[in-house]
Amino acid sequence: MTTLTGGCQCGAVRFRCEELGRASICHCRMCQKAFGGHYGPLVTAKGLVWTRGGPKRFRSSNVVVRGFCADCGTPLTYEPDGYPHVEVALGAFDAPAEIRPEIQVGVESRMPWFHQLATLPGRPAEQQAKVEAFFATVVSHQHPDRDTDVWPPEGGAASGF
């Protein structure tokens, strides 16, 4: 496997790793709260190295520490005590689509409608055109999905990616 990179939304924290373990979706209530969503997508990152900054940590239970960016709040890690590797949030990777979850855990807390998500309709064409016009006006301040030597860029706001 090639080197995988990632980081938080603002770019204050960046990482790399050489090997991934099994990717999962955790539905437990702690992951729901930590991710601010209905589940937490995670993957074991072997040989994880922080290349810019590092996460702030919160002990969410007596056996787990969770890492996040102290500047923008991006959830980054799940670190169980005594486990040799860190679990990293799938969405924090620069190419998250390449990491496919293999298992669901914490299913006792899974939302009862979760299995229906893929069947939800998209926006009607006329609404989608309005949304696309709005998105065309957005200037992103988010760190790009790649390593950068300096962040934020000279002159402030990030754009053009």
N, C-alpha and C. Protein backbone atom coordinates (compact mmCIF):
# COMPACT_ATOMS: atom_id res chain seq x y z
N MET A 1 0.85 -1.18 0.00
CA MET A 1 0.00 0.00 0.00
C MET A 1 0.89 1.24 0.00
N THR A 2 0.45 2.27 -0.63
CA THR A 2 1.20 3.52 -0.68
C THR A 2 0.95 4.33 0.58
N THR A 3 1.74 5.35 0.77
CA THR A 3 1.55 6.23 1.92
C THR A 3 0.21 6.95 1.80
N LEU A 4 -0.53 6.92 2.88
CA LEU A 4 -1.82 7.59 2.96
C LEU A 4 -1.67 8.83 3.82
N THR A 5 -2.27 9.92 3.39
CA THR A 5 -2.17 11.17 4.13
C THR A 5 -3.56 11.70 4.44
N GLY A 6 -3.59 12.62 5.38
CA GLY A 6 -4.86 13.24 5.73
C GLY A 6 -4.65 14.31 6.77
N GLY A 7 -5.76 14.85 7.25
CA GLY A 7 -5.69 15.89 8.26
C GLY A 7 -7.06 16.45 8.55
N CYS A 8 -7.03 17.51 9.33
CA CYS A 8 -8.28 18.15 9.74
C CYS A 8 -8.76 19.13 8.67
N GLN A 9 -9.90 19.71 8.92
CA GLN A 9 -10.50 20.64 7.96
C GLN A 9 -9.69 21.92 7.80
N CYS A 10 -9.09 22.42 8.86
CA CYS A 10 -8.38 23.71 8.77
C CYS A 10 -6.91 23.56 8.39
N GLY A 11 -6.35 22.36 8.47
CA GLY A 11 -4.96 22.15 8.09
C GLY A 11 -3.97 22.26 9.24
N ALA A 12 -4.44 22.54 10.46
CA ALA A 12 -3.53 22.64 11.61
C ALA A 12 -2.95 21.29 11.99
N VAL A 13 -3.66 20.19 11.67
CA VAL A 13 -3.20 18.85 11.99
C VAL A 13 -3.16 18.03 10.69
N ARG A 14 -2.00 17.41 10.44
CA ARG A 14 -1.82 16.54 9.27
C ARG A 14 -1.15 15.26 9.73
N PHE A 15 -1.39 14.17 8.99
CA PHE A 15 -0.81 12.88 9.35
C PHE A 15 -0.49 12.07 8.10
N ARG A 16 0.25 10.99 8.32
CA ARG A 16 0.48 9.99 7.27
C ARG A 16 0.58 8.63 7.94
N CYS A 17 0.29 7.60 7.17
CA CYS A 17 0.49 6.23 7.63
C CYS A 17 0.78 5.36 6.41
N GLU A 18 1.38 4.21 6.66
CA GLU A 18 1.80 3.32 5.59
C GLU A 18 0.86 2.14 5.39
N GLU A 19 0.10 1.79 6.42
CA GLU A 19 -0.73 0.59 6.33
C GLU A 19 -2.02 0.78 7.10
N LEU A 20 -3.09 0.27 6.53
CA LEU A 20 -4.40 0.33 7.18
C LEU A 20 -4.86 -1.05 7.59
N GLY A 21 -5.59 -1.10 8.68
CA GLY A 21 -6.27 -2.32 9.10
C GLY A 21 -7.69 -2.30 8.57
N ARG A 22 -8.57 -2.94 9.31
CA ARG A 22 -9.97 -3.05 8.90
C ARG A 22 -10.72 -1.74 9.16
N ALA A 23 -11.44 -1.29 8.17
CA ALA A 23 -12.28 -0.09 8.31
C ALA A 23 -13.66 -0.49 8.79
N SER A 24 -14.24 0.35 9.64
CA SER A 24 -15.54 0.02 10.21
C SER A 24 -16.42 1.27 10.30
N ILE A 25 -17.68 1.01 10.52
CA ILE A 25 -18.63 2.05 10.86
C ILE A 25 -19.14 1.70 12.24
N CYS A 26 -18.94 2.60 13.20
CA CYS A 26 -19.40 2.34 14.56
C CYS A 26 -20.65 3.16 14.84
N HIS A 27 -21.69 2.48 15.29
CA HIS A 27 -22.97 3.12 15.58
C HIS A 27 -23.17 3.41 17.06
N CYS A 28 -22.16 3.15 17.90
CA CYS A 28 -22.36 3.34 19.34
C CYS A 28 -22.66 4.80 19.66
N ARG A 29 -23.30 5.03 20.78
CA ARG A 29 -23.70 6.39 21.14
C ARG A 29 -22.50 7.30 21.33
N MET A 30 -21.39 6.77 21.84
CA MET A 30 -20.20 7.61 22.01
C MET A 30 -19.68 8.10 20.65
N CYS A 31 -19.64 7.23 19.66
CA CYS A 31 -19.20 7.65 18.33
C CYS A 31 -20.19 8.64 17.71
N GLN A 32 -21.47 8.42 17.93
CA GLN A 32 -22.46 9.37 17.42
C GLN A 32 -22.18 10.77 17.96
N LYS A 33 -21.92 10.86 19.25
CA LYS A 33 -21.66 12.18 19.85
C LYS A 33 -20.30 12.72 19.41
N ALA A 34 -19.28 11.88 19.37
CA ALA A 34 -17.93 12.34 19.00
C ALA A 34 -17.88 12.87 17.57
N PHE A 35 -18.62 12.23 16.66
CA PHE A 35 -18.62 12.64 15.26
C PHE A 35 -19.73 13.64 14.94
N GLY A 36 -20.65 13.83 15.87
CA GLY A 36 -21.77 14.73 15.60
C GLY A 36 -22.65 14.21 14.48
N GLY A 37 -22.75 12.89 14.38
CA GLY A 37 -23.53 12.26 13.32
C GLY A 37 -24.13 10.96 13.82
N HIS A 38 -24.65 10.18 12.90
CA HIS A 38 -25.33 8.95 13.29
C HIS A 38 -24.40 7.75 13.41
N TYR A 39 -23.13 7.91 13.02
CA TYR A 39 -22.15 6.85 13.17
C TYR A 39 -20.76 7.45 13.03
N GLY A 40 -19.76 6.66 13.42
CA GLY A 40 -18.37 7.09 13.29
C GLY A 40 -17.63 6.13 12.37
N PRO A 41 -17.17 6.59 11.20
CA PRO A 41 -16.38 5.74 10.31
C PRO A 41 -14.90 5.80 10.70
N LEU A 42 -14.30 4.65 10.96
CA LEU A 42 -12.93 4.58 11.46
C LEU A 42 -12.14 3.48 10.77
N VAL A 43 -10.81 3.64 10.77
CA VAL A 43 -9.93 2.60 10.24
C VAL A 43 -8.66 2.59 11.08
N THR A 44 -8.12 1.38 11.32
CA THR A 44 -6.86 1.25 12.03
C THR A 44 -5.75 1.77 11.14
N ALA A 45 -4.95 2.70 11.67
CA ALA A 45 -3.84 3.30 10.93
C ALA A 45 -2.53 2.85 11.59
N LYS A 46 -1.84 1.93 10.93
CA LYS A 46 -0.58 1.40 11.48
C LYS A 46 0.57 2.31 11.05
N GLY A 47 1.42 2.62 12.00
CA GLY A 47 2.55 3.50 11.72
C GLY A 47 2.13 4.94 11.53
N LEU A 48 1.13 5.37 12.26
CA LEU A 48 0.62 6.74 12.15
C LEU A 48 1.68 7.74 12.63
N VAL A 49 1.91 8.77 11.81
CA VAL A 49 2.85 9.84 12.15
C VAL A 49 2.14 11.17 11.95
N TRP A 50 2.23 12.04 12.95
CA TRP A 50 1.67 13.39 12.83
C TRP A 50 2.70 14.25 12.14
N THR A 51 2.36 14.80 10.98
CA THR A 51 3.32 15.57 10.19
C THR A 51 3.16 17.07 10.36
N ARG A 52 2.03 17.52 10.89
CA ARG A 52 1.84 18.93 11.25
C ARG A 52 0.92 18.95 12.46
N GLY A 53 1.37 19.57 13.52
CA GLY A 53 0.56 19.65 14.72
C GLY A 53 0.25 18.27 15.28
N GLY A 54 -0.81 18.17 15.98
CA GLY A 54 -1.27 16.92 16.57
C GLY A 54 -2.61 17.15 17.20
N PRO A 55 -3.34 16.07 17.47
CA PRO A 55 -4.69 16.25 18.02
C PRO A 55 -4.68 16.62 19.50
N LYS A 56 -5.70 17.34 19.89
CA LYS A 56 -6.03 17.49 21.29
C LYS A 56 -6.83 16.25 21.64
N ARG A 57 -6.77 15.81 22.88
CA ARG A 57 -7.44 14.56 23.23
C ARG A 57 -8.45 14.76 24.35
N PHE A 58 -9.50 13.95 24.28
CA PHE A 58 -10.56 13.93 25.28
C PHE A 58 -10.80 12.49 25.69
N ARG A 59 -10.76 12.20 26.98
CA ARG A 59 -11.04 10.85 27.47
C ARG A 59 -12.56 10.70 27.54
N SER A 60 -13.10 9.99 26.53
CA SER A 60 -14.55 9.85 26.43
C SER A 60 -15.10 8.73 27.31
N SER A 61 -14.23 7.87 27.81
CA SER A 61 -14.63 6.81 28.74
C SER A 61 -13.41 6.39 29.54
N ASN A 62 -13.60 5.42 30.40
CA ASN A 62 -12.47 4.96 31.20
C ASN A 62 -11.47 4.14 30.38
N VAL A 63 -11.80 3.82 29.11
CA VAL A 63 -10.90 2.99 28.30
C VAL A 63 -10.58 3.57 26.93
N VAL A 64 -11.08 4.76 26.62
CA VAL A 64 -10.88 5.33 25.28
C VAL A 64 -10.57 6.82 25.37
N VAL A 65 -9.59 7.23 24.55
CA VAL A 65 -9.27 8.64 24.34
C VAL A 65 -9.60 8.94 22.89
N ARG A 66 -10.18 10.12 22.62
CA ARG A 66 -10.51 10.54 21.26
C ARG A 66 -9.73 11.81 20.94
N GLY A 67 -9.17 11.84 19.72
CA GLY A 67 -8.40 12.99 19.29
C GLY A 67 -9.18 13.83 18.29
N PHE A 68 -8.97 15.13 18.35
CA PHE A 68 -9.65 16.06 17.44
C PHE A 68 -8.77 17.28 17.26
N CYS A 69 -9.03 18.06 16.23
CA CYS A 69 -8.29 19.30 16.02
C CYS A 69 -8.81 20.35 17.00
N ALA A 70 -7.89 20.92 17.76
CA ALA A 70 -8.28 21.95 18.73
C ALA A 70 -8.70 23.25 18.05
N ASP A 71 -8.29 23.45 16.78
CA ASP A 71 -8.64 24.69 16.08
C ASP A 71 -9.99 24.63 15.38
N CYS A 72 -10.26 23.52 14.67
CA CYS A 72 -11.51 23.46 13.89
C CYS A 72 -12.49 22.40 14.39
N GLY A 73 -12.06 21.52 15.28
CA GLY A 73 -12.96 20.53 15.86
C GLY A 73 -13.10 19.23 15.09
N THR A 74 -12.38 19.07 13.98
CA THR A 74 -12.50 17.85 13.18
C THR A 74 -12.20 16.62 14.04
N PRO A 75 -13.11 15.62 14.10
CA PRO A 75 -12.80 14.37 14.79
C PRO A 75 -11.67 13.65 14.04
N LEU A 76 -10.68 13.16 14.77
CA LEU A 76 -9.53 12.52 14.12
C LEU A 76 -9.26 11.10 14.58
N THR A 77 -9.28 10.82 15.89
CA THR A 77 -8.86 9.50 16.35
C THR A 77 -9.76 8.91 17.41
N TYR A 78 -9.67 7.59 17.49
CA TYR A 78 -10.26 6.77 18.54
C TYR A 78 -9.10 5.92 19.04
N GLU A 79 -8.74 6.08 20.32
CA GLU A 79 -7.53 5.45 20.85
C GLU A 79 -7.86 4.63 22.10
N PRO A 80 -8.18 3.34 21.91
CA PRO A 80 -8.49 2.51 23.08
C PRO A 80 -7.22 2.19 23.88
N ASP A 81 -7.33 2.24 25.19
CA ASP A 81 -6.21 1.90 26.07
C ASP A 81 -5.72 0.49 25.77
N GLY A 82 -4.40 0.33 25.71
CA GLY A 82 -3.81 -0.99 25.54
C GLY A 82 -3.82 -1.51 24.11
N TYR A 83 -4.37 -0.78 23.17
CA TYR A 83 -4.41 -1.20 21.77
C TYR A 83 -3.19 -0.61 21.08
N PRO A 84 -2.44 -1.41 20.31
CA PRO A 84 -1.18 -0.91 19.76
C PRO A 84 -1.32 0.10 18.62
N HIS A 85 -2.51 0.24 18.05
CA HIS A 85 -2.69 1.13 16.91
C HIS A 85 -3.84 2.10 17.17
N VAL A 86 -3.80 3.21 16.46
CA VAL A 86 -4.82 4.25 16.56
C VAL A 86 -5.84 4.04 15.45
N GLU A 87 -7.09 4.26 15.76
CA GLU A 87 -8.15 4.28 14.75
C GLU A 87 -8.29 5.73 14.29
N VAL A 88 -8.35 5.96 12.97
CA VAL A 88 -8.45 7.30 12.42
C VAL A 88 -9.77 7.45 11.68
N ALA A 89 -10.37 8.61 11.78
CA ALA A 89 -11.63 8.90 11.10
C ALA A 89 -11.44 8.82 9.58
N LEU A 90 -12.29 8.07 8.90
CA LEU A 90 -12.16 7.91 7.44
C LEU A 90 -12.22 9.24 6.71
N GLY A 91 -13.10 10.14 7.13
CA GLY A 91 -13.26 11.41 6.45
C GLY A 91 -12.05 12.33 6.58
N ALA A 92 -11.13 12.02 7.50
CA ALA A 92 -9.93 12.85 7.67
C ALA A 92 -8.86 12.50 6.64
N PHE A 93 -8.99 11.37 5.95
CA PHE A 93 -8.01 11.01 4.92
C PHE A 93 -8.22 11.86 3.68
N ASP A 94 -7.13 12.11 2.95
CA ASP A 94 -7.22 12.92 1.73
C ASP A 94 -8.01 12.21 0.63
N ALA A 95 -8.02 10.89 0.64
CA ALA A 95 -8.76 10.12 -0.36
C ALA A 95 -9.66 9.10 0.35
N PRO A 96 -10.71 9.57 1.04
CA PRO A 96 -11.53 8.67 1.84
C PRO A 96 -12.29 7.63 1.02
N ALA A 97 -12.58 7.92 -0.23
CA ALA A 97 -13.33 6.97 -1.05
C ALA A 97 -12.55 5.68 -1.29
N GLU A 98 -11.24 5.73 -1.11
CA GLU A 98 -10.40 4.54 -1.32
C GLU A 98 -10.44 3.59 -0.13
N ILE A 99 -11.05 4.00 0.97
CA ILE A 99 -11.07 3.19 2.19
C ILE A 99 -12.51 2.74 2.44
N ARG A 100 -12.79 1.52 2.10
CA ARG A 100 -14.16 1.00 2.19
C ARG A 100 -14.39 0.28 3.51
N PRO A 101 -15.41 0.69 4.27
CA PRO A 101 -15.72 -0.02 5.51
C PRO A 101 -16.05 -1.49 5.24
N GLU A 102 -15.61 -2.35 6.15
CA GLU A 102 -15.81 -3.80 6.01
C GLU A 102 -16.77 -4.38 7.04
N ILE A 103 -17.05 -3.60 8.10
CA ILE A 103 -17.89 -4.13 9.17
C ILE A 103 -18.60 -2.98 9.87
N GLN A 104 -19.78 -3.28 10.44
CA GLN A 104 -20.49 -2.34 11.29
C GLN A 104 -20.41 -2.86 12.72
N VAL A 105 -20.11 -1.96 13.65
CA VAL A 105 -20.06 -2.33 15.06
C VAL A 105 -20.95 -1.39 15.84
N GLY A 106 -21.23 -1.74 17.08
CA GLY A 106 -22.12 -0.92 17.90
C GLY A 106 -23.52 -0.86 17.35
N VAL A 107 -23.94 -1.94 16.68
CA VAL A 107 -25.23 -1.92 15.98
C VAL A 107 -26.43 -1.81 16.92
N GLU A 108 -26.21 -2.05 18.21
CA GLU A 108 -27.32 -1.92 19.15
C GLU A 108 -27.81 -0.47 19.23
N SER A 109 -26.97 0.50 18.81
CA SER A 109 -27.35 1.91 18.83
C SER A 109 -27.60 2.47 17.43
N ARG A 110 -27.58 1.60 16.43
CA ARG A 110 -27.79 2.04 15.04
C ARG A 110 -29.19 2.63 14.89
N MET A 111 -29.28 3.73 14.16
CA MET A 111 -30.57 4.35 13.90
C MET A 111 -31.47 3.35 13.17
N PRO A 112 -32.73 3.26 13.56
CA PRO A 112 -33.59 2.23 12.96
C PRO A 112 -33.82 2.42 11.46
N TRP A 113 -33.57 3.59 10.93
CA TRP A 113 -33.79 3.87 9.51
C TRP A 113 -32.49 3.87 8.70
N PHE A 114 -31.38 3.50 9.33
CA PHE A 114 -30.08 3.56 8.67
C PHE A 114 -30.05 2.80 7.34
N HIS A 115 -30.64 1.62 7.31
CA HIS A 115 -30.60 0.80 6.10
C HIS A 115 -31.38 1.42 4.94
N GLN A 116 -32.18 2.45 5.19
CA GLN A 116 -32.97 3.10 4.15
C GLN A 116 -32.28 4.32 3.53
N LEU A 117 -31.11 4.72 4.03
CA LEU A 117 -30.45 5.94 3.55
C LEU A 117 -30.20 5.93 2.05
N ALA A 118 -29.77 4.81 1.51
CA ALA A 118 -29.45 4.74 0.08
C ALA A 118 -30.67 4.90 -0.80
N THR A 119 -31.86 4.76 -0.23
CA THR A 119 -33.08 4.87 -1.03
C THR A 119 -33.67 6.29 -1.01
N LEU A 120 -33.09 7.19 -0.22
CA LEU A 120 -33.62 8.56 -0.16
C LEU A 120 -33.42 9.25 -1.51
N PRO A 121 -34.40 10.05 -1.92
CA PRO A 121 -34.27 10.76 -3.20
C PRO A 121 -33.29 11.92 -3.10
N GLY A 122 -32.75 12.32 -4.24
CA GLY A 122 -31.94 13.53 -4.32
C GLY A 122 -32.84 14.73 -4.56
N ARG A 123 -32.25 15.89 -4.67
CA ARG A 123 -33.04 17.10 -4.95
C ARG A 123 -33.60 17.05 -6.36
N PRO A 124 -34.78 17.63 -6.57
CA PRO A 124 -35.29 17.77 -7.94
C PRO A 124 -34.35 18.68 -8.74
N ALA A 125 -34.34 18.53 -10.05
CA ALA A 125 -33.41 19.25 -10.93
C ALA A 125 -33.45 20.75 -10.73
N GLU A 126 -34.65 21.34 -10.59
CA GLU A 126 -34.74 22.80 -10.45
C GLU A 126 -34.12 23.27 -9.12
N GLN A 127 -34.28 22.50 -8.05
CA GLN A 127 -33.64 22.84 -6.78
C GLN A 127 -32.13 22.65 -6.87
N GLN A 128 -31.70 21.59 -7.54
CA GLN A 128 -30.27 21.31 -7.67
C GLN A 128 -29.57 22.43 -8.42
N ALA A 129 -30.19 22.99 -9.44
CA ALA A 129 -29.60 24.09 -10.19
C ALA A 129 -29.38 25.31 -9.28
N LYS A 130 -30.33 25.59 -8.39
CA LYS A 130 -30.18 26.70 -7.45
C LYS A 130 -29.04 26.44 -6.47
N VAL A 131 -28.95 25.22 -6.00
CA VAL A 131 -27.88 24.86 -5.06
C VAL A 131 -26.52 24.97 -5.74
N GLU A 132 -26.42 24.52 -6.98
CA GLU A 132 -25.16 24.61 -7.70
C GLU A 132 -24.77 26.06 -7.94
N ALA A 133 -25.73 26.93 -8.20
CA ALA A 133 -25.44 28.36 -8.36
C ALA A 133 -24.91 28.94 -7.05
N PHE A 134 -25.49 28.54 -5.93
CA PHE A 134 -25.00 28.99 -4.63
C PHE A 134 -23.58 28.49 -4.40
N PHE A 135 -23.34 27.20 -4.64
CA PHE A 135 -22.00 26.63 -4.42
C PHE A 135 -20.94 27.31 -5.29
N ALA A 136 -21.33 27.81 -6.44
CA ALA A 136 -20.39 28.51 -7.32
C ALA A 136 -19.88 29.80 -6.68
N THR A 137 -20.60 30.32 -5.68
CA THR A 137 -20.19 31.56 -5.01
C THR A 137 -19.33 31.29 -3.77
N VAL A 138 -19.21 30.04 -3.38
CA VAL A 138 -18.50 29.68 -2.15
C VAL A 138 -16.99 29.70 -2.37
N VAL A 139 -16.28 30.37 -1.47
CA VAL A 139 -14.81 30.35 -1.46
C VAL A 139 -14.40 29.52 -0.24
N SER A 140 -13.79 28.40 -0.49
CA SER A 140 -13.42 27.48 0.58
C SER A 140 -12.20 27.98 1.35
N HIS A 141 -12.26 27.84 2.65
CA HIS A 141 -11.12 28.11 3.53
C HIS A 141 -10.60 26.79 4.09
N GLN A 142 -11.09 25.69 3.57
CA GLN A 142 -10.72 24.37 4.02
C GLN A 142 -9.37 23.98 3.43
N HIS A 143 -8.59 23.25 4.20
CA HIS A 143 -7.31 22.75 3.71
C HIS A 143 -7.57 21.80 2.54
N PRO A 144 -6.75 21.83 1.49
CA PRO A 144 -6.98 20.92 0.36
C PRO A 144 -6.65 19.47 0.73
N ASP A 145 -7.14 18.54 -0.05
CA ASP A 145 -6.89 17.12 0.18
C ASP A 145 -5.52 16.71 -0.34
N ARG A 146 -4.49 17.31 0.21
CA ARG A 146 -3.10 16.97 -0.12
C ARG A 146 -2.22 17.69 0.89
N ASP A 147 -0.98 17.24 1.00
CA ASP A 147 -0.03 17.91 1.89
C ASP A 147 0.36 19.26 1.29
N THR A 148 0.60 20.22 2.16
CA THR A 148 1.07 21.54 1.76
C THR A 148 2.27 21.89 2.63
N ASP A 149 3.20 22.63 2.08
CA ASP A 149 4.37 23.05 2.86
C ASP A 149 4.00 24.09 3.91
N VAL A 150 3.09 24.98 3.53
CA VAL A 150 2.67 26.07 4.41
C VAL A 150 1.16 26.16 4.40
N TRP A 151 0.59 26.37 5.57
CA TRP A 151 -0.85 26.57 5.65
C TRP A 151 -1.16 27.47 6.83
N PRO A 152 -2.02 28.44 6.72
CA PRO A 152 -2.72 28.82 5.51
C PRO A 152 -1.79 29.48 4.50
N PRO A 153 -2.25 29.56 3.25
CA PRO A 153 -1.39 30.15 2.22
C PRO A 153 -1.15 31.63 2.48
N GLU A 154 -0.08 32.15 1.91
CA GLU A 154 0.20 33.59 2.02
C GLU A 154 -1.01 34.39 1.56
N GLY A 155 -1.36 35.42 2.26
CA GLY A 155 -2.48 36.25 1.85
C GLY A 155 -3.81 35.81 2.42
N GLY A 156 -3.83 34.71 3.20
CA GLY A 156 -5.07 34.35 3.89
C GLY A 156 -5.85 33.23 3.29
N ALA A 157 -7.02 33.54 2.75
CA ALA A 157 -8.02 32.54 2.38
C ALA A 157 -7.52 31.56 1.33
N ALA A 158 -7.95 30.35 1.50
CA ALA A 158 -7.65 29.30 0.51
C ALA A 158 -8.74 29.30 -0.53
N SER A 159 -8.36 29.10 -1.76
CA SER A 159 -9.36 28.98 -2.81
C SER A 159 -8.77 28.21 -3.98
N GLY A 160 -9.59 27.90 -4.93
CA GLY A 160 -9.11 27.28 -6.15
C GLY A 160 -8.80 25.81 -6.05
N PHE A 161 -9.46 25.08 -5.18
CA PHE A 161 -9.26 23.64 -5.16
C PHE A 161 -10.55 22.96 -5.04
